């Protein structure tokens, strides 16, 4: 008995025939092969290397920050008003750049011998995570950036570091040497800042000292040259002498006038009085010329000129002393102000000593590599089908 197909009614939709069973074509085999080639084999190779060849690494953590403490004056301390310590962002930025510099890497290599710590006698067993001791300093800096991870929190100014080594003690040694190097760097920055703060005041003080020495030297030279300690004293004595002579001249003139009224001109007393007046006038004229008050210009050097030169030297010395006093006060104030501000490195995490090897993170690396390989393979497949559909 044969089974007959039902005859479709007029106006009904035709039923499509059943789909033909798909076959494994060449492109399918190519996709499977490409997955094996681009994903399975590389993942297996990386996993084999990580679990059989990669050396265990120990981590030592270190955390610190740059602090600036400003101490107040004695009055502020008695009043209980003190300046709390705070972080210095500029110094922290400089220190952060210093942590990845070639200078620090060279210093650390000279201190703890990084080439020996990160190198391996059987280096060809693990060429990825070990360092070639014969490498250049540029290679060592690149390997430093792989082994030393620096995390800088700009908001708090804290720097956290993770140092890797094939031995826990070596990792801690590197961390300790790194902390000492950073402390030395901050001390150097503090010394430079303190020197810059007092440099101008020191230069002014040195100039004031030199000016005062020159003024005193000029005054001493003047006294030795003129054999006069203080011309003002000599001036007072000479003025006293001139006053005395003028008084004697007045008395002699009065006496002469009285004699002329009562005697003849040929009287010996008149002649003697006239000579006395002449001698006193000559002496007064000579004394006035010495003081620079006369009209005779043949005098070699008037005493008034000596007094004027002396007073000028005294003014120069007093000005130099005033400038020196002000410069010294400014220097002491700048020095005290510079010493109030001190920078130091505060460690909130001291170098730790690991008890177990946590690196390399084998599973994490393997999964990330597998994800990357799958992404690459997927992109290649999409490109292939895109080109195929376009044809």
Protein backbone atom coordinates (compact mmCIF):
# COMPACT_ATOMS: atom_id res chain seq x y z
CA UNK A 1 0.00 0.00 0.00
CA UNK A 2 1.64 3.24 -1.12
CA UNK A 3 1.45 6.45 0.74
CA UNK A 4 0.33 9.25 -1.42
CA UNK A 5 1.15 12.87 -0.87
CA UNK A 6 -1.85 14.99 -0.07
CA UNK A 7 -2.87 17.18 -2.90
CA UNK A 8 -2.67 20.80 -1.85
CA UNK A 9 -5.80 22.73 -2.06
CA UNK A 10 -6.05 25.54 -4.47
CA UNK A 11 -4.72 28.81 -2.96
CA UNK A 12 -2.59 27.12 -0.17
CA UNK A 13 1.10 28.02 0.29
CA UNK A 14 3.61 25.45 -1.00
CA UNK A 15 5.54 23.57 1.64
CA UNK A 16 9.33 23.80 1.09
CA UNK A 17 11.22 20.59 0.94
CA UNK A 18 13.23 19.58 4.02
CA UNK A 19 16.77 21.05 4.29
CA UNK A 20 19.58 18.98 3.01
CA UNK A 21 21.98 17.78 5.66
CA UNK A 22 25.01 20.10 5.66
CA UNK A 23 28.42 18.73 4.88
CA UNK A 24 31.82 19.72 6.24
CA UNK A 25 33.25 21.92 3.58
CA UNK A 26 36.78 23.17 2.97
CA UNK A 27 36.18 26.55 4.58
CA UNK A 28 34.96 24.86 7.73
CA UNK A 29 38.12 22.79 7.90
CA UNK A 30 40.12 25.98 7.33
CA UNK A 31 38.34 27.72 10.25
CA UNK A 32 39.02 24.78 12.54
CA UNK A 33 42.67 24.70 11.48
CA UNK A 34 43.02 28.48 11.93
CA UNK A 35 41.50 28.24 15.43
CA UNK A 36 43.96 25.50 16.28
CA UNK A 37 46.82 27.51 14.78
CA UNK A 38 45.97 30.96 16.16
CA UNK A 39 44.33 30.10 19.48
CA UNK A 40 44.88 26.57 20.74
CA UNK A 41 48.57 26.20 19.95
CA UNK A 42 49.67 29.67 21.20
CA UNK A 43 47.62 29.27 24.40
CA UNK A 44 49.10 25.85 24.99
CA UNK A 45 52.62 27.18 24.32
CA UNK A 46 52.19 30.09 26.71
CA UNK A 47 50.70 27.84 29.37
CA UNK A 48 53.53 25.35 28.96
CA UNK A 49 56.11 28.14 29.32
CA UNK A 50 54.42 29.71 32.34
CA UNK A 51 54.03 26.48 34.29
CA UNK A 52 57.27 24.74 33.33
CA UNK A 53 59.86 27.40 32.48
CA UNK A 54 58.93 30.70 34.13
CA UNK A 55 60.75 31.25 37.42
CA UNK A 56 58.87 32.15 40.58
CA UNK A 57 59.08 35.80 41.61
CA UNK A 58 58.67 37.33 45.07
CA UNK A 59 57.21 40.79 45.64
CA UNK A 60 58.24 43.41 48.19
CA UNK A 61 55.92 46.39 48.62
CA UNK A 62 56.92 49.88 49.69
CA UNK A 63 54.85 53.03 50.21
CA UNK A 64 55.89 56.56 51.11
CA UNK A 65 55.05 60.20 50.59
CA UNK A 66 56.90 63.50 50.73
CA UNK A 67 55.91 65.58 53.73
CA UNK A 68 56.67 69.24 54.39
CA UNK A 69 56.53 70.48 57.97
CA UNK A 70 56.57 74.18 58.78
CA UNK A 71 57.38 74.95 62.40
CA UNK A 72 56.00 78.16 63.84
CA UNK A 73 57.67 80.75 65.99
CA UNK A 74 57.94 80.59 69.78
CA UNK A 75 54.86 82.79 70.20
CA UNK A 76 52.83 80.51 67.94
CA UNK A 77 54.03 77.46 69.87
CA UNK A 78 53.04 79.04 73.19
CA UNK A 79 49.66 79.98 71.74
CA UNK A 80 49.11 76.46 70.46
CA UNK A 81 49.04 77.51 66.82
CA UNK A 82 51.28 75.23 64.80
CA UNK A 83 51.44 74.43 61.13
CA UNK A 84 50.55 70.82 60.48
CA UNK A 85 52.66 68.83 58.08
CA UNK A 86 51.39 68.53 54.54
CA UNK A 87 52.40 66.93 51.28
CA UNK A 88 54.37 68.75 48.61
CA UNK A 89 53.00 67.89 45.18
CA UNK A 90 55.90 69.41 43.27
CA UNK A 91 58.48 67.39 45.20
CA UNK A 92 56.36 64.26 44.76
CA UNK A 93 56.17 64.83 41.00
CA UNK A 94 59.95 65.18 40.87
CA UNK A 95 60.38 62.01 42.93
CA UNK A 96 57.92 60.13 40.68
CA UNK A 97 59.95 61.08 37.61
CA UNK A 98 63.14 60.12 39.46
CA UNK A 99 61.81 56.60 40.14
CA UNK A 100 61.89 55.76 36.41
CA UNK A 101 65.06 57.64 35.52
CA UNK A 102 68.27 56.11 34.24
CA UNK A 103 70.19 57.84 37.02
CA UNK A 104 68.28 55.94 39.72
CA UNK A 105 68.60 52.63 37.88
CA UNK A 106 72.36 53.08 37.58
CA UNK A 107 72.58 54.02 41.27
CA UNK A 108 70.57 50.96 42.30
CA UNK A 109 72.69 48.72 40.09
CA UNK A 110 75.84 50.04 41.77
CA UNK A 111 74.27 49.61 45.21
CA UNK A 112 72.62 46.15 45.10
CA UNK A 113 73.83 44.77 41.72
CA UNK A 114 70.54 44.49 39.83
CA UNK A 115 72.18 42.53 37.03
CA UNK A 116 73.07 39.72 39.39
CA UNK A 117 69.67 39.77 41.15
CA UNK A 118 67.53 39.81 38.02
CA UNK A 119 69.90 37.74 35.92
CA UNK A 120 69.98 33.97 36.06
CA UNK A 121 72.82 31.50 35.67
CA UNK A 122 70.51 29.30 33.58
CA UNK A 123 69.04 32.29 31.77
CA UNK A 124 68.05 30.38 28.64
CA UNK A 125 65.55 28.44 30.73
CA UNK A 126 63.50 31.62 31.30
CA UNK A 127 64.61 34.35 28.85
CA UNK A 128 61.31 36.27 29.19
CA UNK A 129 61.37 37.16 32.90
CA UNK A 130 65.14 37.25 33.48
CA UNK A 131 67.66 39.88 32.47
CA UNK A 132 70.76 39.42 30.40
CA UNK A 133 73.67 40.59 32.61
CA UNK A 134 75.52 41.72 29.49
CA UNK A 135 72.72 44.12 28.52
CA UNK A 136 73.16 47.86 28.20
CA UNK A 137 71.90 50.40 30.69
CA UNK A 138 68.92 51.12 28.39
CA UNK A 139 67.99 47.43 28.59
CA UNK A 140 68.31 47.54 32.36
CA UNK A 141 66.01 50.59 32.53
CA UNK A 142 63.44 48.73 30.41
CA UNK A 143 63.66 45.69 32.67
CA UNK A 144 63.42 47.99 35.72
CA UNK A 145 60.07 49.26 34.47
CA UNK A 146 58.90 45.64 34.20
CA UNK A 147 60.08 44.60 37.65
CA UNK A 148 59.24 47.80 39.56
CA UNK A 149 55.63 48.98 39.45
CA UNK A 150 55.00 52.56 40.61
CA UNK A 151 51.54 53.76 41.59
CA UNK A 152 51.20 57.48 42.27
CA UNK A 153 48.02 58.92 43.81
CA UNK A 154 48.01 62.56 42.78
CA UNK A 155 45.24 63.51 45.21
CA UNK A 156 47.01 62.25 48.36
CA UNK A 157 50.62 62.48 47.14
CA UNK A 158 51.29 58.85 48.11
CA UNK A 159 53.58 56.59 46.07
CA UNK A 160 53.25 52.81 46.29
CA UNK A 161 55.83 50.48 44.74
CA UNK A 162 55.99 46.78 44.06
CA UNK A 163 59.44 45.29 43.49
CA UNK A 164 59.86 41.80 42.04
CA UNK A 165 62.85 39.49 42.36
CA UNK A 166 63.56 35.78 42.18
CA UNK A 167 64.36 35.76 45.89
CA UNK A 168 62.31 37.34 48.69
CA UNK A 169 65.40 38.75 50.44
CA UNK A 170 66.65 40.29 47.20
CA UNK A 171 63.30 41.97 46.63
CA UNK A 172 63.39 43.44 50.13
CA UNK A 173 67.00 44.60 49.63
CA UNK A 174 66.03 46.44 46.47
CA UNK A 175 63.09 48.07 48.27
CA UNK A 176 65.26 49.18 51.17
CA UNK A 177 67.95 50.60 48.89
CA UNK A 178 65.26 52.33 46.84
CA UNK A 179 63.83 53.98 49.96
CA UNK A 180 67.28 55.23 50.97
CA UNK A 181 67.90 56.61 47.49
CA UNK A 182 64.57 58.45 47.52
CA UNK A 183 65.31 59.84 50.99
CA UNK A 184 68.66 61.14 49.76
CA UNK A 185 66.91 62.72 46.78
CA UNK A 186 64.42 64.53 49.01
CA UNK A 187 67.21 65.70 51.32
CA UNK A 188 69.04 67.08 48.29
CA UNK A 189 65.90 68.89 47.13
CA UNK A 190 65.43 70.33 50.62
CA UNK A 191 69.05 71.54 50.72
CA UNK A 192 68.74 73.12 47.28
CA UNK A 193 65.50 74.87 48.25
CA UNK A 194 67.06 76.12 51.48
CA UNK A 195 70.11 77.38 49.59
CA UNK A 196 67.92 79.17 47.04
CA UNK A 197 65.97 80.81 49.85
CA UNK A 198 69.04 82.35 51.49
CA UNK A 199 71.23 82.85 48.41
CA UNK A 200 70.05 86.41 47.72
CA UNK A 201 70.35 87.38 51.39
CA UNK A 202 73.86 85.89 51.54
CA UNK A 203 74.95 87.79 48.44
CA UNK A 204 73.62 91.03 49.90
CA UNK A 205 75.43 90.36 53.17
CA UNK A 206 78.72 89.69 51.41
CA UNK A 207 78.38 92.91 49.40
CA UNK A 208 77.61 94.86 52.59
CA UNK A 209 80.66 93.38 54.35
CA UNK A 210 82.89 94.31 51.41
CA UNK A 211 81.48 97.86 51.33
CA UNK A 212 82.05 98.28 55.08
CA UNK A 213 85.64 97.03 54.82
CA UNK A 214 86.39 99.47 52.01
CA UNK A 215 84.87 102.39 53.97
CA UNK A 216 86.92 101.60 57.06
CA UNK A 217 90.05 101.10 54.99
CA UNK A 218 89.56 104.52 53.31
CA UNK A 219 89.08 106.20 56.71
CA UNK A 220 92.23 104.57 58.10
CA UNK A 221 94.20 105.65 55.04
CA UNK A 222 92.97 109.23 55.50
CA UNK A 223 94.08 109.31 59.15
CA UNK A 224 97.51 107.89 58.35
CA UNK A 225 98.00 110.33 55.47
CA UNK A 226 97.02 113.47 57.42
CA UNK A 227 98.11 112.36 60.89
CA UNK A 228 94.68 113.37 62.20
CA UNK A 229 92.37 111.09 64.13
CA UNK A 230 89.34 113.39 64.22
CA UNK A 231 89.51 116.79 62.40
CA UNK A 232 86.43 117.99 64.27
CA UNK A 233 88.46 118.10 67.49
CA UNK A 234 91.24 120.06 65.78
CA UNK A 235 88.66 122.36 64.24
CA UNK A 236 87.16 123.10 67.65
CA UNK A 237 90.59 123.90 69.10
CA UNK A 238 91.53 126.09 66.12
CA UNK A 239 88.22 127.93 66.31
CA UNK A 240 88.87 128.50 70.00
CA UNK A 241 92.32 129.87 69.19
CA UNK A 242 90.86 132.17 66.52
CA UNK A 243 88.24 133.41 68.97
CA UNK A 244 90.94 134.14 71.55
CA UNK A 245 93.04 136.02 69.01
CA UNK A 246 90.07 138.08 67.92
CA UNK A 247 89.35 139.00 71.53
CA UNK A 248 92.99 139.96 72.08
CA UNK A 249 92.90 141.99 68.85
CA UNK A 250 89.86 143.89 70.08
CA UNK A 251 91.55 144.62 73.39
CA UNK A 252 94.75 145.72 71.66
CA UNK A 253 92.85 148.03 69.33
CA UNK A 254 91.03 149.62 72.27
CA UNK A 255 94.33 150.08 74.07
CA UNK A 256 95.92 151.61 70.94
CA UNK A 257 93.06 154.04 70.50
CA UNK A 258 93.36 155.15 74.11
CA UNK A 259 97.10 155.69 73.72
CA UNK A 260 96.67 157.73 70.56
CA UNK A 261 94.17 159.97 72.30
CA UNK A 262 96.56 160.71 75.15
CA UNK A 263 100.03 160.59 73.56
CA UNK A 264 101.91 161.28 70.36
CA UNK A 265 102.42 158.78 67.52
CA UNK A 266 106.12 158.60 68.27
CA UNK A 267 105.46 157.40 71.78
CA UNK A 268 107.08 153.97 72.33
CA UNK A 269 103.87 152.65 73.85
CA UNK A 270 101.95 153.52 70.68
CA UNK A 271 104.62 151.85 68.56
CA UNK A 272 104.50 148.74 70.78
CA UNK A 273 100.71 148.64 70.68
CA UNK A 274 100.72 149.05 66.90
CA UNK A 275 103.15 146.10 66.53
CA UNK A 276 100.98 144.00 68.84
CA UNK A 277 97.90 144.71 66.71
CA UNK A 278 99.82 143.86 63.51
CA UNK A 279 101.11 140.57 64.93
CA UNK A 280 97.65 139.56 66.14
CA UNK A 281 96.08 140.37 62.76
CA UNK A 282 98.78 138.37 60.96
CA UNK A 283 98.15 135.40 63.24
CA UNK A 284 94.40 135.66 62.75
CA UNK A 285 94.85 135.77 58.99
CA UNK A 286 97.09 132.69 59.10
CA UNK A 287 94.64 130.78 61.27
CA UNK A 288 91.74 131.72 59.02
CA UNK A 289 93.68 130.48 56.00
CA UNK A 290 94.33 127.17 57.76
CA UNK A 291 90.62 126.84 58.43
CA UNK A 292 89.79 127.72 54.83
CA UNK A 293 88.11 130.99 55.78
CA UNK A 294 90.61 133.34 54.23
CA UNK A 295 90.86 134.75 50.73
CA UNK A 296 94.42 133.68 50.04
CA UNK A 297 94.40 130.91 47.48
CA UNK A 298 98.08 130.01 47.80
CA UNK A 299 97.48 127.63 50.71
CA UNK A 300 98.26 124.05 49.77
CA UNK A 301 95.23 122.49 51.46
CA UNK A 302 92.73 124.26 53.64
CA UNK A 303 91.77 122.62 56.89
CA UNK A 304 88.10 122.89 55.90
CA UNK A 305 88.83 120.64 52.94
CA UNK A 306 90.31 118.05 55.31
CA UNK A 307 87.24 118.28 57.47
CA UNK A 308 84.95 117.93 54.44
CA UNK A 309 86.83 114.85 53.22
CA UNK A 310 86.71 113.36 56.72
CA UNK A 311 82.99 113.95 57.03
CA UNK A 312 82.43 112.31 53.64
CA UNK A 313 84.37 109.24 54.78
CA UNK A 314 82.40 109.16 58.02
CA UNK A 315 79.12 109.27 56.07
CA UNK A 316 80.31 106.44 53.84
CA UNK A 317 81.26 104.37 56.85
CA UNK A 318 77.97 104.99 58.63
CA UNK A 319 76.04 104.10 55.48
CA UNK A 320 78.08 100.92 55.08
CA UNK A 321 77.45 100.01 58.73
CA UNK A 322 73.72 100.59 58.34
CA UNK A 323 73.62 98.52 55.14
CA UNK A 324 75.60 95.75 56.86
CA UNK A 325 73.24 95.71 59.85
CA UNK A 326 70.20 95.50 57.56
CA UNK A 327 71.79 92.79 55.38
CA UNK A 328 72.76 90.75 58.45
CA UNK A 329 69.23 90.97 59.84
CA UNK A 330 67.79 89.93 56.46
CA UNK A 331 70.20 87.00 56.21
CA UNK A 332 69.40 85.77 59.72
CA UNK A 333 65.68 86.08 59.01
CA UNK A 334 65.96 84.21 55.70
CA UNK A 335 68.06 81.51 57.31
CA UNK A 336 65.60 81.06 60.16
CA UNK A 337 62.67 80.98 57.74
CA UNK A 338 64.41 78.41 55.52
CA UNK A 339 65.15 76.15 58.47
CA UNK A 340 61.51 76.27 59.53
CA UNK A 341 60.49 74.39 56.38
CA UNK A 342 61.79 70.83 56.34
CA UNK A 343 61.02 68.09 53.81
CA UNK A 344 61.24 64.43 54.69
CA UNK A 345 60.14 61.09 53.31
CA UNK A 346 57.44 59.42 55.39
CA UNK A 347 56.98 55.68 54.77
CA UNK A 348 53.47 54.37 55.37
CA UNK A 349 54.55 50.90 54.16
CA UNK A 350 58.03 49.72 55.06
CA UNK A 351 59.75 47.21 52.72
CA UNK A 352 58.00 43.87 53.19
CA UNK A 353 59.46 40.37 53.05
CA UNK A 354 57.37 37.90 51.04
CA UNK A 355 56.84 34.32 52.23
CA UNK A 356 55.43 32.92 49.00
CA UNK A 357 55.93 33.56 45.30
CA UNK A 358 52.86 35.29 43.85
CA UNK A 359 54.38 36.22 40.50
CA UNK A 360 54.22 35.76 37.62
CA UNK A 361 50.43 35.56 37.78
CA UNK A 362 50.26 32.52 35.53
CA UNK A 363 46.50 32.00 35.35
CA UNK A 364 45.83 35.68 34.78
CA UNK A 365 48.43 35.92 32.04
CA UNK A 366 47.15 32.74 30.40
CA UNK A 367 43.52 33.88 30.42
CA UNK A 368 44.41 37.31 29.07
CA UNK A 369 46.47 35.77 26.31
CA UNK A 370 43.68 33.32 25.45
CA UNK A 371 41.19 36.22 25.28
CA UNK A 372 43.53 38.20 23.06
CA UNK A 373 44.10 35.19 20.79
CA UNK A 374 40.35 34.60 20.49
CA UNK A 375 39.76 38.23 19.61
CA UNK A 376 42.46 38.11 16.93
CA UNK A 377 41.04 34.87 15.50
CA UNK A 378 37.49 36.27 15.53
CA UNK A 379 38.57 39.41 13.69
CA UNK A 380 40.39 37.30 11.10
CA UNK A 381 37.28 35.13 10.57
CA UNK A 382 35.04 38.20 10.20
CA UNK A 383 37.40 39.70 7.64
CA UNK A 384 37.45 36.40 5.71
CA UNK A 385 33.65 36.10 5.56
CA UNK A 386 33.33 39.79 4.68
CA UNK A 387 35.60 39.32 1.68
CA UNK A 388 33.86 36.09 0.73
CA UNK A 389 30.39 37.71 0.82
CA UNK A 390 31.63 40.63 -1.29
CA UNK A 391 32.72 38.23 -4.02
